[in-house]
Amino acid sequence: MAVPASRYQISRRAYPAELPAIEYDPTDQVRRVQRDGWISVRGQLVRVPKAFVGQPLALRPTQTDGRVDLVFITHRVGQIDLTQPTLRVQPVTHVSEHL
């Protein structure tokens, strides 16, 4: 039986030394995730996953009044109901292939 090290091959795909900057639509409200996974929305701190620390997230209006989607690059990662007294990120339960 072959061991994994005997099957390893270097990838032919080039990996850039630096990834391109993340850009959002000018109409999006962009928040950079602070240490420990917090963003500020309407003067309240809202916890988001720590995986996004240091990254920009976009707040994008939805078709429903008072709700905004939380978007990372092109992926909707949550939704915030701005009509609630305490703001929380509601996790995404269905992810479409395209935003």
PDB file of N, CA and C in Angstrom:
ATOM      1  N   MET A   1       0.854  -1.178   0.000  1.00  0.00           N
ATOM      2  CA  MET A   1       0.000   0.000   0.000  1.00  0.00           C
ATOM      3  C   MET A   1       0.900   1.242   0.000  1.00  0.00           C
ATOM      4  N   ALA A   2       0.575   2.192  -0.869  1.00  0.00           N
ATOM      5  CA  ALA A   2       1.367   3.423  -0.987  1.00  0.00           C
ATOM      6  C   ALA A   2       1.018   4.380   0.152  1.00  0.00           C
ATOM      7  N   VAL A   3       1.994   5.093   0.626  1.00  0.00           N
ATOM      8  CA  VAL A   3       1.780   6.092   1.665  1.00  0.00           C
ATOM      9  C   VAL A   3       1.498   7.438   1.001  1.00  0.00           C
ATOM     10  N   PRO A   4       0.807   8.353   1.670  1.00  0.00           N
ATOM     11  CA  PRO A   4       0.481   9.647   1.060  1.00  0.00           C
ATOM     12  C   PRO A   4       1.695  10.390   0.512  1.00  0.00           C
ATOM     13  N   ALA A   5       2.825  10.350   1.193  1.00  0.00           N
ATOM     14  CA  ALA A   5       4.011  11.076   0.743  1.00  0.00           C
ATOM     15  C   ALA A   5       4.475  10.588  -0.626  1.00  0.00           C
ATOM     16  N   SER A   6       4.217   9.332  -0.941  1.00  0.00           N
ATOM     17  CA  SER A   6       4.645   8.822  -2.251  1.00  0.00           C
ATOM     18  C   SER A   6       3.716   9.277  -3.371  1.00  0.00           C
ATOM     19  N   ARG A   7       2.545   9.737  -3.030  1.00  0.00           N
ATOM     20  CA  ARG A   7       1.565  10.194  -4.029  1.00  0.00           C
ATOM     21  C   ARG A   7       1.542  11.715  -4.194  1.00  0.00           C
ATOM     22  N   TYR A   8       2.206  12.440  -3.327  1.00  0.00           N
ATOM     23  CA  TYR A   8       2.186  13.911  -3.354  1.00  0.00           C
ATOM     24  C   TYR A   8       2.798  14.442  -4.643  1.00  0.00           C
ATOM     25  N   GLN A   9       2.129  15.437  -5.220  1.00  0.00           N
ATOM     26  CA  GLN A   9       2.650  16.147  -6.385  1.00  0.00           C
ATOM     27  C   GLN A   9       2.472  17.635  -6.147  1.00  0.00           C
ATOM     28  N   ILE A  10       3.421  18.422  -6.585  1.00  0.00           N
ATOM     29  CA  ILE A  10       3.309  19.873  -6.482  1.00  0.00           C
ATOM     30  C   ILE A  10       2.228  20.334  -7.450  1.00  0.00           C
ATOM     31  N   SER A  11       1.375  21.250  -6.996  1.00  0.00           N
ATOM     32  CA  SER A  11       0.303  21.775  -7.833  1.00  0.00           C
ATOM     33  C   SER A  11       0.865  22.537  -9.029  1.00  0.00           C
ATOM     34  N   ARG A  12       0.195  22.374 -10.172  1.00  0.00           N
ATOM     35  CA  ARG A  12       0.599  23.121 -11.363  1.00  0.00           C
ATOM     36  C   ARG A  12       0.006  24.527 -11.376  1.00  0.00           C
ATOM     37  N   ARG A  13      -0.993  24.766 -10.527  1.00  0.00           N
ATOM     38  CA  ARG A  13      -1.620  26.078 -10.474  1.00  0.00           C
ATOM     39  C   ARG A  13      -0.738  27.050  -9.706  1.00  0.00           C
ATOM     40  N   ALA A  14      -0.590  28.236 -10.261  1.00  0.00           N
ATOM     41  CA  ALA A  14       0.191  29.278  -9.586  1.00  0.00           C
ATOM     42  C   ALA A  14      -0.661  29.907  -8.490  1.00  0.00           C
ATOM     43  N   TYR A  15      -0.055  30.173  -7.370  1.00  0.00           N
ATOM     44  CA  TYR A  15      -0.738  30.827  -6.259  1.00  0.00           C
ATOM     45  C   TYR A  15      -0.125  32.208  -6.104  1.00  0.00           C
ATOM     46  N   PRO A  16      -0.955  33.261  -6.165  1.00  0.00           N
ATOM     47  CA  PRO A  16      -0.381  34.609  -6.101  1.00  0.00           C
ATOM     48  C   PRO A  16       0.242  34.886  -4.739  1.00  0.00           C
ATOM     49  N   ALA A  17       1.295  35.693  -4.732  1.00  0.00           N
ATOM     50  CA  ALA A  17       1.949  36.062  -3.478  1.00  0.00           C
ATOM     51  C   ALA A  17       1.009  36.892  -2.616  1.00  0.00           C
ATOM     52  N   GLU A  18       0.152  37.675  -3.251  1.00  0.00           N
ATOM     53  CA  GLU A  18      -0.799  38.512  -2.520  1.00  0.00           C
ATOM     54  C   GLU A  18      -2.157  38.427  -3.206  1.00  0.00           C
ATOM     55  N   LEU A  19      -3.201  38.190  -2.416  1.00  0.00           N
ATOM     56  CA  LEU A  19      -4.546  38.107  -2.984  1.00  0.00           C
ATOM     57  C   LEU A  19      -5.050  39.499  -3.338  1.00  0.00           C
ATOM     58  N   PRO A  20      -5.921  39.612  -4.340  1.00  0.00           N
ATOM     59  CA  PRO A  20      -6.444  40.928  -4.707  1.00  0.00           C
ATOM     60  C   PRO A  20      -7.311  41.499  -3.579  1.00  0.00           C
ATOM     61  N   ALA A  21      -7.386  42.820  -3.537  1.00  0.00           N
ATOM     62  CA  ALA A  21      -8.200  43.492  -2.516  1.00  0.00           C
ATOM     63  C   ALA A  21      -9.671  43.140  -2.708  1.00  0.00           C
ATOM     64  N   ILE A  22     -10.389  43.054  -1.603  1.00  0.00           N
ATOM     65  CA  ILE A  22     -11.820  42.763  -1.647  1.00  0.00           C
ATOM     66  C   ILE A  22     -12.545  44.071  -1.938  1.00  0.00           C
ATOM     67  N   GLU A  23     -13.391  44.051  -2.960  1.00  0.00           N
ATOM     68  CA  GLU A  23     -14.143  45.245  -3.340  1.00  0.00           C
ATOM     69  C   GLU A  23     -15.628  44.943  -3.281  1.00  0.00           C
ATOM     70  N   TYR A  24     -16.389  45.946  -2.834  1.00  0.00           N
ATOM     71  CA  TYR A  24     -17.837  45.827  -2.756  1.00  0.00           C
ATOM     72  C   TYR A  24     -18.481  46.920  -3.583  1.00  0.00           C
ATOM     73  N   ASP A  25     -19.765  46.772  -3.817  1.00  0.00           N
ATOM     74  CA  ASP A  25     -20.542  47.760  -4.555  1.00  0.00           C
ATOM     75  C   ASP A  25     -20.556  49.076  -3.778  1.00  0.00           C
ATOM     76  N   PRO A  26     -20.513  50.213  -4.468  1.00  0.00           N
ATOM     77  CA  PRO A  26     -20.522  51.505  -3.768  1.00  0.00           C
ATOM     78  C   PRO A  26     -21.751  51.723  -2.877  1.00  0.00           C
ATOM     79  N   THR A  27     -22.841  51.013  -3.158  1.00  0.00           N
ATOM     80  CA  THR A  27     -24.051  51.179  -2.338  1.00  0.00           C
ATOM     81  C   THR A  27     -24.026  50.329  -1.069  1.00  0.00           C
ATOM     82  N   ASP A  28     -23.067  49.390  -0.967  1.00  0.00           N
ATOM     83  CA  ASP A  28     -22.946  48.563   0.238  1.00  0.00           C
ATOM     84  C   ASP A  28     -22.348  49.368   1.380  1.00  0.00           C
ATOM     85  N   GLN A  29     -22.771  49.072   2.596  1.00  0.00           N
ATOM     86  CA  GLN A  29     -22.131  49.619   3.786  1.00  0.00           C
ATOM     87  C   GLN A  29     -21.089  48.591   4.217  1.00  0.00           C
ATOM     88  N   VAL A  30     -19.840  49.006   4.252  1.00  0.00           N
ATOM     89  CA  VAL A  30     -18.757  48.060   4.550  1.00  0.00           C
ATOM     90  C   VAL A  30     -18.283  48.246   5.985  1.00  0.00           C
ATOM     91  N   ARG A  31     -18.132  47.128   6.678  1.00  0.00           N
ATOM     92  CA  ARG A  31     -17.618  47.117   8.046  1.00  0.00           C
ATOM     93  C   ARG A  31     -16.433  46.166   8.114  1.00  0.00           C
ATOM     94  N   ARG A  32     -15.344  46.593   8.751  1.00  0.00           N
ATOM     95  CA  ARG A  32     -14.199  45.709   8.956  1.00  0.00           C
ATOM     96  C   ARG A  32     -14.403  45.007  10.293  1.00  0.00           C
ATOM     97  N   VAL A  33     -14.254  43.692  10.303  1.00  0.00           N
ATOM     98  CA  VAL A  33     -14.475  42.900  11.507  1.00  0.00           C
ATOM     99  C   VAL A  33     -13.311  43.130  12.471  1.00  0.00           C
ATOM    100  N   GLN A  34     -13.658  43.559  13.670  1.00  0.00           N
ATOM    101  CA  GLN A  34     -12.676  43.888  14.701  1.00  0.00           C
ATOM    102  C   GLN A  34     -12.242  42.636  15.455  1.00  0.00           C
ATOM    103  N   ARG A  35     -11.232  42.851  16.282  1.00  0.00           N
ATOM    104  CA  ARG A  35     -10.712  41.770  17.117  1.00  0.00           C
ATOM    105  C   ARG A  35     -11.861  41.093  17.877  1.00  0.00           C
ATOM    106  N   ASP A  36     -11.807  39.827  18.014  1.00  0.00           N
ATOM    107  CA  ASP A  36     -12.818  39.008  18.692  1.00  0.00           C
ATOM    108  C   ASP A  36     -14.125  38.910  17.912  1.00  0.00           C
ATOM    109  N   GLY A  37     -14.176  39.379  16.657  1.00  0.00           N
ATOM    110  CA  GLY A  37     -15.337  39.157  15.806  1.00  0.00           C
ATOM    111  C   GLY A  37     -16.503  40.094  15.994  1.00  0.00           C
ATOM    112  N   TRP A  38     -16.258  41.392  16.086  1.00  0.00           N
ATOM    113  CA  TRP A  38     -17.331  42.373  16.263  1.00  0.00           C
ATOM    114  C   TRP A  38     -17.361  43.367  15.110  1.00  0.00           C
ATOM    115  N   ILE A  39     -18.583  43.775  14.719  1.00  0.00           N
ATOM    116  CA  ILE A  39     -18.754  44.907  13.809  1.00  0.00           C
ATOM    117  C   ILE A  39     -19.742  45.865  14.471  1.00  0.00           C
ATOM    118  N   SER A  40     -19.733  47.099  14.057  1.00  0.00           N
ATOM    119  CA  SER A  40     -20.657  48.099  14.589  1.00  0.00           C
ATOM    120  C   SER A  40     -21.751  48.352  13.558  1.00  0.00           C
ATOM    121  N   VAL A  41     -22.999  48.223  14.019  1.00  0.00           N
ATOM    122  CA  VAL A  41     -24.155  48.471  13.164  1.00  0.00           C
ATOM    123  C   VAL A  41     -25.113  49.359  13.937  1.00  0.00           C
ATOM    124  N   ARG A  42     -25.341  50.557  13.422  1.00  0.00           N
ATOM    125  CA  ARG A  42     -26.247  51.520  14.068  1.00  0.00           C
ATOM    126  C   ARG A  42     -25.906  51.729  15.541  1.00  0.00           C
ATOM    127  N   GLY A  43     -24.628  51.815  15.825  1.00  0.00           N
ATOM    128  CA  GLY A  43     -24.170  52.094  17.181  1.00  0.00           C
ATOM    129  C   GLY A  43     -24.160  50.893  18.104  1.00  0.00           C
ATOM    130  N   GLN A  44     -24.517  49.734  17.625  1.00  0.00           N
ATOM    131  CA  GLN A  44     -24.493  48.512  18.438  1.00  0.00           C
ATOM    132  C   GLN A  44     -23.388  47.593  17.936  1.00  0.00           C
ATOM    133  N   LEU A  45     -22.769  46.881  18.860  1.00  0.00           N
ATOM    134  CA  LEU A  45     -21.793  45.876  18.470  1.00  0.00           C
ATOM    135  C   LEU A  45     -22.526  44.579  18.152  1.00  0.00           C
ATOM    136  N   VAL A  46     -22.180  44.001  17.011  1.00  0.00           N
ATOM    137  CA  VAL A  46     -22.804  42.752  16.560  1.00  0.00           C
ATOM    138  C   VAL A  46     -21.691  41.730  16.368  1.00  0.00           C
ATOM    139  N   ARG A  47     -21.858  40.563  16.973  1.00  0.00           N
ATOM    140  CA  ARG A  47     -20.845  39.505  16.860  1.00  0.00           C
ATOM    141  C   ARG A  47     -21.032  38.764  15.545  1.00  0.00           C
ATOM    142  N   VAL A  48     -19.902  38.570  14.852  1.00  0.00           N
ATOM    143  CA  VAL A  48     -19.866  37.761  13.637  1.00  0.00           C
ATOM    144  C   VAL A  48     -18.797  36.688  13.841  1.00  0.00           C
ATOM    145  N   PRO A  49     -18.761  35.679  12.996  1.00  0.00           N
ATOM    146  CA  PRO A  49     -17.755  34.619  13.187  1.00  0.00           C
ATOM    147  C   PRO A  49     -16.323  35.167  13.196  1.00  0.00           C
ATOM    148  N   LYS A  50     -15.511  34.660  14.108  1.00  0.00           N
ATOM    149  CA  LYS A  50     -14.124  35.120  14.243  1.00  0.00           C
ATOM    150  C   LYS A  50     -13.287  34.842  13.006  1.00  0.00           C
ATOM    151  N   ALA A  51     -13.747  33.959  12.142  1.00  0.00           N
ATOM    152  CA  ALA A  51     -13.014  33.678  10.904  1.00  0.00           C
ATOM    153  C   ALA A  51     -12.885  34.931  10.039  1.00  0.00           C
ATOM    154  N   PHE A  52     -13.759  35.917  10.256  1.00  0.00           N
ATOM    155  CA  PHE A  52     -13.740  37.136   9.451  1.00  0.00           C
ATOM    156  C   PHE A  52     -12.941  38.271  10.077  1.00  0.00           C
ATOM    157  N   VAL A  53     -12.282  38.059  11.205  1.00  0.00           N
ATOM    158  CA  VAL A  53     -11.506  39.112  11.859  1.00  0.00           C
ATOM    159  C   VAL A  53     -10.520  39.724  10.866  1.00  0.00           C
ATOM    160  N   GLY A  54     -10.548  41.049  10.783  1.00  0.00           N
ATOM    161  CA  GLY A  54      -9.657  41.785   9.900  1.00  0.00           C
ATOM    162  C   GLY A  54     -10.174  41.922   8.478  1.00  0.00           C
ATOM    163  N   GLN A  55     -11.272  41.238   8.150  1.00  0.00           N
ATOM    164  CA  GLN A  55     -11.812  41.268   6.798  1.00  0.00           C
ATOM    165  C   GLN A  55     -12.981  42.252   6.693  1.00  0.00           C
ATOM    166  N   PRO A  56     -13.184  42.823   5.508  1.00  0.00           N
ATOM    167  CA  PRO A  56     -14.359  43.681   5.318  1.00  0.00           C
ATOM    168  C   PRO A  56     -15.585  42.828   4.995  1.00  0.00           C
ATOM    169  N   LEU A  57     -16.705  43.161   5.617  1.00  0.00           N
ATOM    170  CA  LEU A  57     -17.997  42.551   5.316  1.00  0.00           C
ATOM    171  C   LEU A  57     -18.926  43.660   4.841  1.00  0.00           C
ATOM    172  N   ALA A  58     -19.829  43.320   3.939  1.00  0.00           N
ATOM    173  CA  ALA A  58     -20.780  44.308   3.432  1.00  0.00           C
ATOM    174  C   ALA A  58     -22.145  44.092   4.066  1.00  0.00           C
ATOM    175  N   LEU A  59     -22.808  45.187   4.375  1.00  0.00           N
ATOM    176  CA  LEU A  59     -24.210  45.160   4.782  1.00  0.00           C
ATOM    177  C   LEU A  59     -24.994  45.576   3.543  1.00  0.00           C
ATOM    178  N   ARG A  60     -25.844  44.691   3.057  1.00  0.00           N
ATOM    179  CA  ARG A  60     -26.557  44.930   1.796  1.00  0.00           C
ATOM    180  C   ARG A  60     -28.058  44.839   2.051  1.00  0.00           C
ATOM    181  N   PRO A  61     -28.818  45.877   1.680  1.00  0.00           N
ATOM    182  CA  PRO A  61     -30.270  45.850   1.886  1.00  0.00           C
ATOM    183  C   PRO A  61     -30.923  44.660   1.186  1.00  0.00           C
ATOM    184  N   THR A  62     -32.007  44.182   1.786  1.00  0.00           N
ATOM    185  CA  THR A  62     -32.772  43.082   1.195  1.00  0.00           C
ATOM    186  C   THR A  62     -34.106  43.619   0.692  1.00  0.00           C
ATOM    187  N   GLN A  63     -34.919  42.740   0.163  1.00  0.00           N
ATOM    188  CA  GLN A  63     -36.263  43.126  -0.298  1.00  0.00           C
ATOM    189  C   GLN A  63     -37.206  43.363   0.883  1.00  0.00           C
ATOM    190  N   THR A  64     -36.817  42.884   2.071  1.00  0.00           N
ATOM    191  CA  THR A  64     -37.637  43.038   3.271  1.00  0.00           C
ATOM    192  C   THR A  64     -37.167  44.261   4.040  1.00  0.00           C
ATOM    193  N   ASP A  65     -38.092  45.183   4.317  1.00  0.00           N
ATOM    194  CA  ASP A  65     -37.737  46.382   5.078  1.00  0.00           C
ATOM    195  C   ASP A  65     -37.140  46.008   6.426  1.00  0.00           C
ATOM    196  N   GLY A  66     -36.059  46.697   6.790  1.00  0.00           N
ATOM    197  CA  GLY A  66     -35.453  46.505   8.096  1.00  0.00           C
ATOM    198  C   GLY A  66     -34.490  45.341   8.189  1.00  0.00           C
ATOM    199  N   ARG A  67     -34.234  44.673   7.095  1.00  0.00           N
ATOM    200  CA  ARG A  67     -33.285  43.549   7.103  1.00  0.00           C
ATOM    201  C   ARG A  67     -32.152  43.836   6.129  1.00  0.00           C
ATOM    202  N   VAL A  68     -30.951  43.450   6.551  1.00  0.00           N
ATOM    203  CA  VAL A  68     -29.785  43.565   5.673  1.00  0.00           C
ATOM    204  C   VAL A  68     -29.062  42.223   5.648  1.00  0.00           C
ATOM    205  N   ASP A  69     -28.523  41.898   4.477  1.00  0.00           N
ATOM    206  CA  ASP A  69     -27.693  40.701   4.357  1.00  0.00           C
ATOM    207  C   ASP A  69     -26.272  41.053   4.754  1.00  0.00           C
ATOM    208  N   LEU A  70     -25.592  40.119   5.365  1.00  0.00           N
ATOM    209  CA  LEU A  70     -24.184  40.238   5.700  1.00  0.00           C
ATOM    210  C   LEU A  70     -23.444  39.428   4.639  1.00  0.00           C
ATOM    211  N   VAL A  71     -22.575  40.110   3.858  1.00  0.00           N
ATOM    212  CA  VAL A  71     -21.971  39.493   2.681  1.00  0.00           C
ATOM    213  C   VAL A  71     -20.449  39.537   2.785  1.00  0.00           C
ATOM    214  N   PHE A  72     -19.818  38.403   2.472  1.00  0.00           N
ATOM    215  CA  PHE A  72     -18.362  38.333   2.356  1.00  0.00           C
ATOM    216  C   PHE A  72     -18.038  38.021   0.906  1.00  0.00           C
ATOM    217  N   ILE A  73     -17.413  38.952   0.229  1.00  0.00           N
ATOM    218  CA  ILE A  73     -17.095  38.906  -1.193  1.00  0.00           C
ATOM    219  C   ILE A  73     -18.396  38.703  -1.973  1.00  0.00           C
ATOM    220  N   THR A  74     -18.743  37.492  -2.371  1.00  0.00           N
ATOM    221  CA  THR A  74     -20.004  37.250  -3.081  1.00  0.00           C
ATOM    222  C   THR A  74     -20.921  36.306  -2.315  1.00  0.00           C
ATOM    223  N   HIS A  75     -20.554  35.957  -1.087  1.00  0.00           N
ATOM    224  CA  HIS A  75     -21.311  34.969  -0.319  1.00  0.00           C
ATOM    225  C   HIS A  75     -22.091  35.623   0.804  1.00  0.00           C
ATOM    226  N   ARG A  76     -23.392  35.330   0.847  1.00  0.00           N
ATOM    227  CA  ARG A  76     -24.229  35.803   1.943  1.00  0.00           C
ATOM    228  C   ARG A  76     -23.967  34.904   3.130  1.00  0.00           C
ATOM    229  N   VAL A  77     -23.461  35.487   4.226  1.00  0.00           N
ATOM    230  CA  VAL A  77     -23.096  34.679   5.393  1.00  0.00           C
ATOM    231  C   VAL A  77     -24.060  34.843   6.550  1.00  0.00           C
ATOM    232  N   GLY A  78     -24.998  35.779   6.431  1.00  0.00           N
ATOM    233  CA  GLY A  78     -25.971  35.981   7.489  1.00  0.00           C
ATOM    234  C   GLY A  78     -26.908  37.110   7.145  1.00  0.00           C
ATOM    235  N   GLN A  79     -27.828  37.363   8.069  1.00  0.00           N
ATOM    236  CA  GLN A  79     -28.775  38.459   7.900  1.00  0.00           C
ATOM    237  C   GLN A  79     -29.008  39.110   9.256  1.00  0.00           C
ATOM    238  N   ILE A  80     -29.193  40.430   9.248  1.00  0.00           N
ATOM    239  CA  ILE A  80     -29.440  41.177  10.482  1.00  0.00           C
ATOM    240  C   ILE A  80     -30.798  41.851  10.356  1.00  0.00           C
ATOM    241  N   ASP A  81     -31.628  41.668  11.374  1.00  0.00           N
ATOM    242  CA  ASP A  81     -32.938  42.327  11.431  1.00  0.00           C
ATOM    243  C   ASP A  81     -32.775  43.616  12.215  1.00  0.00           C
ATOM    244  N   LEU A  82     -32.793  44.744  11.505  1.00  0.00           N
ATOM    245  CA  LEU A  82     -32.565  46.054  12.141  1.00  0.00           C
ATOM    246  C   LEU A  82     -33.759  46.538  12.939  1.00  0.00           C
ATOM    247  N   THR A  83     -34.895  45.829  12.876  1.00  0.00           N
ATOM    248  CA  THR A  83     -36.080  46.244  13.632  1.00  0.00           C
ATOM    249  C   THR A  83     -36.060  45.728  15.065  1.00  0.00           C
ATOM    250  N   GLN A  84     -35.131  44.827  15.370  1.00  0.00           N
ATOM    251  CA  GLN A  84     -35.034  44.256  16.716  1.00  0.00           C
ATOM    252  C   GLN A  84     -34.218  45.171  17.629  1.00  0.00           C
ATOM    253  N   PRO A  85     -34.574  45.236  18.921  1.00  0.00           N
ATOM    254  CA  PRO A  85     -33.812  46.086  19.835  1.00  0.00           C
ATOM    255  C   PRO A  85     -32.363  45.628  20.011  1.00  0.00           C
ATOM    256  N   THR A  86     -32.129  44.324  19.983  1.00  0.00           N
ATOM    257  CA  THR A  86     -30.774  43.775  20.066  1.00  0.00           C
ATOM    258  C   THR A  86     -30.455  43.141  18.724  1.00  0.00           C
ATOM    259  N   LEU A  87     -29.411  43.654  18.083  1.00  0.00           N
ATOM    260  CA  LEU A  87     -29.061  43.161  16.753  1.00  0.00           C
ATOM    261  C   LEU A  87     -28.219  41.901  16.852  1.00  0.00           C
ATOM    262  N   ARG A  88     -28.596  40.896  16.067  1.00  0.00           N
ATOM    263  CA  ARG A  88     -27.864  39.633  16.004  1.00  0.00           C
ATOM    264  C   ARG A  88     -27.806  39.169  14.564  1.00  0.00           C
ATOM    265  N   VAL A  89     -26.760  38.439  14.241  1.00  0.00           N
ATOM    266  CA  VAL A  89     -26.649  37.844  12.908  1.00  0.00           C
ATOM    267  C   VAL A  89     -27.425  36.535  12.914  1.00  0.00           C
ATOM    268  N   GLN A  90     -28.394  36.454  12.003  1.00  0.00           N
ATOM    269  CA  GLN A  90     -29.122  35.199  11.818  1.00  0.00           C
ATOM    270  C   GLN A  90     -28.351  34.393  10.780  1.00  0.00           C
ATOM    271  N   PRO A  91     -28.000  33.153  11.081  1.00  0.00           N
ATOM    272  CA  PRO A  91     -27.228  32.359  10.115  1.00  0.00           C
ATOM    273  C   PRO A  91     -28.025  32.086   8.849  1.00  0.00           C
ATOM    274  N   VAL A  92     -27.316  31.868   7.787  1.00  0.00           N
ATOM    275  CA  VAL A  92     -27.926  31.524   6.509  1.00  0.00           C
ATOM    276  C   VAL A  92     -28.292  30.049   6.536  1.00  0.00           C
ATOM    277  N   THR A  93     -29.529  29.733   6.173  1.00  0.00           N
ATOM    278  CA  THR A  93     -29.946  28.327   6.156  1.00  0.00           C
ATOM    279  C   THR A  93     -29.974  27.768   4.750  1.00  0.00           C
ATOM    280  N   HIS A  94     -30.005  28.648   3.762  1.00  0.00           N
ATOM    281  CA  HIS A  94     -29.949  28.214   2.362  1.00  0.00           C
ATOM    282  C   HIS A  94     -29.020  29.143   1.610  1.00  0.00           C
ATOM    283  N   VAL A  95     -28.069  28.589   0.914  1.00  0.00           N
ATOM    284  CA  VAL A  95     -27.130  29.392   0.150  1.00  0.00           C
ATOM    285  C   VAL A  95     -27.354  29.130  -1.332  1.00  0.00           C
ATOM    286  N   SER A  96     -27.771  30.190  -2.058  1.00  0.00           N
ATOM    287  CA  SER A  96     -27.934  30.015  -3.496  1.00  0.00           C
ATOM    288  C   SER A  96     -26.568  30.018  -4.144  1.00  0.00           C
ATOM    289  N   GLU A  97     -26.494  29.543  -5.342  1.00  0.00           N
ATOM    290  CA  GLU A  97     -25.209  29.497  -6.036  1.00  0.00           C
ATOM    291  C   GLU A  97     -24.772  30.872  -6.495  1.00  0.00           C
ATOM    292  N   HIS A  98     -25.723  31.789  -6.653  1.00  0.00           N
ATOM    293  CA  HIS A  98     -25.403  33.127  -7.135  1.00  0.00           C
ATOM    294  C   HIS A  98     -26.126  34.161  -6.282  1.00  0.00           C
ATOM    295  N   LEU A  99     -25.460  35.285  -6.045  1.00  0.00           N
ATOM    296  CA  LEU A  99     -26.123  36.380  -5.327  1.00  0.00           C
ATOM    297  C   LEU A  99     -26.682  37.352  -6.316  1.00  0.00           C
TER     298      LEU A  99
END
